[in-house]
Amino acid sequence: MIKAILFDLDGVLIETELETFKFYQNYLKDYGITLADTDFKYKAGRKSVDFWNDVLTPEQQAKIDVKKLTQIKREAFNTAPQNYVKKVAGGKELLEYLKTNNFKLALVSQNESRMINTMMDWLEIKSFFDIIISIDQITKLKPDPEIYLLAANKLGITPNECIVIEDSKDGVGSAKNAKMKCIGVKHEYTPPTDLSLADVKIDNLAEITLALINKI
């Protein structure tokens, strides 16, 4: 029996992939570096280090200090999320629906605590979650199952009583490695194989109902 629904943040409740890419595009123009719109394919669903290695030469990376740029982006997103982040339609409504139906809810994100808290306050959804797990609480990144196993442990339930909502290959992999069910949220930029391990694939959060949960 499913007792808890575990939510990833980026790509599930907020959209940051394209928004982050556009931020970097605009910033790098001042350094004479142009990222083509087609370079977004190197960003979507991938780690920052892999993205930078694909789109910038070592000389360019040294010139702009990509670690510093990442911090600048984080500060901008934390200070004014309304300018840089897009809310996913139906997120708050889904949380209300699940809470009304007595599911335990967890936010499980590899974001830092500050970013998570900023987004929760902006979305006005923090009160729905029984627990919030951040990157500060783990030592191994997705697709390792550590983050989802930690969430289940803190909720006091077993992995087979959880459904995870994810949108990336590593996220789905983490959920399945934790022996949990997984709903994969599709995006227009998501390669079909990235969600191949998900038990169910959806186009939007409105598709998540009691009937779907009971079917998985």
Protein backbone atom coordinates (compact mmCIF):
# COMPACT_ATOMS: atom_id res chain seq x y z
CA MET A 1 0.00 0.00 0.00
CA ILE A 2 1.34 3.41 -0.95
CA LYS A 3 1.62 5.71 2.05
CA ALA A 4 3.92 8.50 0.83
CA ILE A 5 4.59 10.57 -2.27
CA LEU A 6 8.14 11.90 -2.64
CA PHE A 7 8.66 14.95 -4.84
CA ASP A 8 11.77 16.11 -6.59
CA LEU A 9 11.86 19.92 -6.94
CA ASP A 10 13.53 21.01 -10.19
CA GLY A 11 11.50 19.93 -13.19
CA VAL A 12 8.65 18.68 -11.01
CA LEU A 13 7.41 21.66 -9.01
CA ILE A 14 9.53 24.36 -10.63
CA GLU A 15 11.15 24.79 -14.04
CA THR A 16 14.79 25.87 -13.91
CA GLU A 17 16.58 24.05 -16.74
CA LEU A 18 15.86 26.47 -19.59
CA GLU A 19 15.78 29.42 -17.19
CA THR A 20 19.29 28.60 -15.94
CA PHE A 21 20.56 28.17 -19.47
CA LYS A 22 19.18 31.57 -20.49
CA PHE A 23 20.80 33.17 -17.43
CA TYR A 24 24.18 31.77 -18.46
CA GLN A 25 23.62 32.85 -22.07
CA ASN A 26 23.03 36.46 -21.06
CA TYR A 27 25.86 36.52 -18.53
CA LEU A 28 28.48 35.12 -20.90
CA LYS A 29 27.73 37.72 -23.58
CA ASP A 30 29.68 40.25 -21.48
CA TYR A 31 32.73 38.00 -21.84
CA GLY A 32 32.38 37.66 -25.58
CA ILE A 33 31.19 34.08 -25.27
CA THR A 34 28.09 33.04 -27.19
CA LEU A 35 26.03 30.01 -26.27
CA ALA A 36 23.82 28.97 -29.17
CA ASP A 37 20.21 28.11 -28.37
CA THR A 38 20.98 24.59 -29.56
CA ASP A 39 23.55 24.25 -26.77
CA PHE A 40 20.63 23.79 -24.38
CA LYS A 41 20.73 20.10 -25.25
CA TYR A 42 23.97 19.89 -23.23
CA LYS A 43 22.29 21.40 -20.16
CA ALA A 44 18.94 19.65 -19.86
CA GLY A 45 19.03 16.98 -17.17
CA ARG A 46 22.82 16.98 -16.86
CA LYS A 47 25.34 17.89 -14.20
CA SER A 48 26.86 21.37 -14.43
CA VAL A 49 30.41 20.08 -14.83
CA ASP A 50 29.41 18.05 -17.89
CA PHE A 51 27.58 21.02 -19.37
CA TRP A 52 30.54 23.37 -18.99
CA ASN A 53 32.95 20.82 -20.42
CA ASP A 54 30.76 20.46 -23.50
CA VAL A 55 30.12 24.15 -24.25
CA LEU A 56 33.29 25.90 -23.06
CA THR A 57 36.97 25.38 -23.72
CA PRO A 58 39.31 25.00 -20.72
CA GLU A 59 40.58 28.51 -21.43
CA GLN A 60 37.05 29.92 -21.35
CA GLN A 61 36.27 28.09 -18.12
CA ALA A 62 39.34 29.58 -16.50
CA LYS A 63 38.45 33.04 -17.81
CA ILE A 64 34.96 33.18 -16.35
CA ASP A 65 35.35 30.84 -13.33
CA VAL A 66 32.33 28.57 -13.75
CA LYS A 67 32.11 27.85 -10.01
CA LYS A 68 31.73 31.56 -9.31
CA LEU A 69 29.18 31.87 -12.09
CA THR A 70 27.13 29.07 -10.55
CA GLN A 71 27.13 30.96 -7.26
CA ILE A 72 26.06 34.17 -9.01
CA LYS A 73 23.16 32.28 -10.60
CA ARG A 74 22.13 30.81 -7.27
CA GLU A 75 22.15 34.22 -5.63
CA ALA A 76 19.98 35.67 -8.40
CA PHE A 77 17.49 32.79 -8.21
CA ASN A 78 17.34 33.03 -4.41
CA THR A 79 16.94 36.79 -4.38
CA ALA A 80 14.28 37.09 -7.09
CA PRO A 81 12.78 33.70 -8.01
CA GLN A 82 9.87 35.41 -9.72
CA ASN A 83 12.30 36.77 -12.33
CA TYR A 84 14.09 33.53 -13.09
CA VAL A 85 11.99 30.53 -12.09
CA LYS A 86 8.76 29.19 -13.59
CA LYS A 87 6.10 27.50 -11.48
CA VAL A 88 4.89 24.13 -12.77
CA ALA A 89 1.14 24.20 -13.33
CA GLY A 90 -0.91 22.23 -10.85
CA GLY A 91 1.80 21.73 -8.24
CA LYS A 92 0.07 23.29 -5.26
CA GLU A 93 -3.26 21.76 -6.25
CA LEU A 94 -1.70 18.29 -6.39
CA LEU A 95 -0.15 18.70 -2.95
CA GLU A 96 -3.50 19.77 -1.51
CA TYR A 97 -5.20 16.80 -3.16
CA LEU A 98 -2.66 14.29 -1.83
CA LYS A 99 -2.68 15.76 1.66
CA THR A 100 -6.48 15.63 1.75
CA ASN A 101 -6.19 11.93 0.91
CA ASN A 102 -3.85 11.37 3.86
CA PHE A 103 -0.59 10.69 2.04
CA LYS A 104 2.68 11.59 3.71
CA LEU A 105 4.58 14.05 1.54
CA ALA A 106 8.32 14.65 1.22
CA LEU A 107 10.36 17.08 -0.82
CA VAL A 108 13.57 15.32 -1.86
CA SER A 109 15.97 17.55 -3.76
CA GLN A 110 19.68 17.78 -4.52
CA ASN A 111 19.40 21.53 -4.20
CA GLU A 112 20.94 23.34 -1.26
CA SER A 113 18.72 24.12 1.73
CA ARG A 114 18.64 27.85 1.04
CA MET A 115 17.36 27.38 -2.51
CA ILE A 116 14.77 24.85 -1.36
CA ASN A 117 13.47 27.17 1.35
CA THR A 118 13.34 30.09 -1.07
CA MET A 119 11.29 28.08 -3.53
CA MET A 120 8.99 26.65 -0.87
CA ASP A 121 8.22 30.14 0.45
CA TRP A 122 7.71 31.51 -3.06
CA LEU A 123 5.40 28.65 -4.02
CA GLU A 124 3.69 28.77 -0.60
CA ILE A 125 3.80 24.98 -0.23
CA LYS A 126 6.19 24.29 2.65
CA SER A 127 3.36 23.40 5.05
CA PHE A 128 2.31 20.43 2.91
CA PHE A 129 5.54 18.51 3.46
CA ASP A 130 6.19 16.21 6.40
CA ILE A 131 9.93 16.28 5.69
CA ILE A 132 12.34 18.09 3.39
CA ILE A 133 15.61 16.48 2.30
CA SER A 134 18.42 18.52 0.70
CA ILE A 135 21.86 17.86 -0.73
CA ASP A 136 23.34 18.92 2.62
CA GLN A 137 22.06 15.68 4.16
CA ILE A 138 23.60 13.17 1.77
CA THR A 139 27.03 12.02 0.64
CA LYS A 140 26.11 10.27 -2.63
CA LEU A 141 24.28 11.84 -5.55
CA LYS A 142 21.51 10.40 -7.71
CA PRO A 143 21.25 7.80 -9.22
CA ASP A 144 22.50 6.44 -5.90
CA PRO A 145 19.42 5.63 -3.76
CA GLU A 146 20.75 7.30 -0.60
CA ILE A 147 18.54 10.41 -0.76
CA TYR A 148 15.29 8.48 -1.22
CA LEU A 149 16.16 5.82 1.33
CA LEU A 150 16.87 8.61 3.82
CA ALA A 151 13.47 10.13 3.09
CA ALA A 152 11.67 6.83 3.66
CA ASN A 153 13.57 6.29 6.89
CA LYS A 154 12.66 9.74 8.20
CA LEU A 155 9.01 9.17 7.28
CA GLY A 156 9.08 5.86 9.13
CA ILE A 157 7.95 3.78 6.17
CA THR A 158 9.43 1.20 3.81
CA PRO A 159 10.59 1.92 0.24
CA ASN A 160 7.78 -0.17 -1.26
CA GLU A 161 5.28 2.17 0.38
CA CYS A 162 6.63 5.17 -1.59
CA ILE A 163 6.02 6.68 -4.99
CA VAL A 164 8.60 9.13 -6.30
CA ILE A 165 7.83 11.88 -8.81
CA GLU A 166 10.92 12.62 -10.92
CA ASP A 167 11.83 14.11 -14.29
CA SER A 168 15.44 13.11 -14.97
CA LYS A 169 17.36 9.94 -15.77
CA ASP A 170 19.42 10.11 -12.57
CA GLY A 171 16.34 10.92 -10.50
CA VAL A 172 14.34 7.99 -11.85
CA GLY A 173 17.40 5.79 -11.41
CA SER A 174 17.73 6.86 -7.78
CA ALA A 175 14.08 6.03 -7.09
CA LYS A 176 14.28 2.62 -8.74
CA ASN A 177 17.59 1.82 -7.04
CA ALA A 178 15.79 2.54 -3.77
CA LYS A 179 13.16 -0.07 -4.79
CA MET A 180 10.42 2.56 -5.00
CA LYS A 181 7.74 3.12 -7.61
CA CYS A 182 8.32 6.13 -9.84
CA ILE A 183 6.23 8.52 -11.90
CA GLY A 184 8.28 10.19 -14.61
CA VAL A 185 7.31 13.70 -15.70
CA LYS A 186 8.07 14.28 -19.39
CA HIS A 187 9.42 17.54 -20.81
CA GLU A 188 9.79 18.52 -24.44
CA TYR A 189 13.56 18.34 -24.03
CA THR A 190 13.66 14.98 -22.23
CA PRO A 191 15.16 12.11 -24.26
CA PRO A 192 12.65 9.20 -24.16
CA THR A 193 15.26 6.84 -22.75
CA ASP A 194 15.80 9.06 -19.68
CA LEU A 195 12.44 7.99 -18.21
CA SER A 196 12.50 4.43 -19.48
CA LEU A 197 12.69 2.94 -15.97
CA ALA A 198 9.73 4.92 -14.61
CA ASP A 199 6.64 2.87 -13.82
CA VAL A 200 4.39 5.52 -15.35
CA LYS A 201 5.12 8.54 -17.54
CA ILE A 202 2.97 11.67 -17.51
CA ASP A 203 2.89 14.98 -19.36
CA ASN A 204 1.59 17.08 -16.47
CA LEU A 205 0.86 16.86 -12.75
CA ALA A 206 -2.92 16.93 -13.28
CA GLU A 207 -2.66 13.31 -14.44
CA ILE A 208 -1.74 12.15 -10.94
CA THR A 209 -4.90 10.86 -9.27
CA LEU A 210 -5.82 8.22 -6.71
CA ALA A 211 -6.70 5.92 -9.58
CA LEU A 212 -3.23 6.29 -11.09
CA ILE A 213 -1.52 5.83 -7.73
CA ASN A 214 -3.52 2.66 -7.00
CA LYS A 215 -2.72 1.34 -10.47
CA ILE A 216 1.06 1.57 -10.10
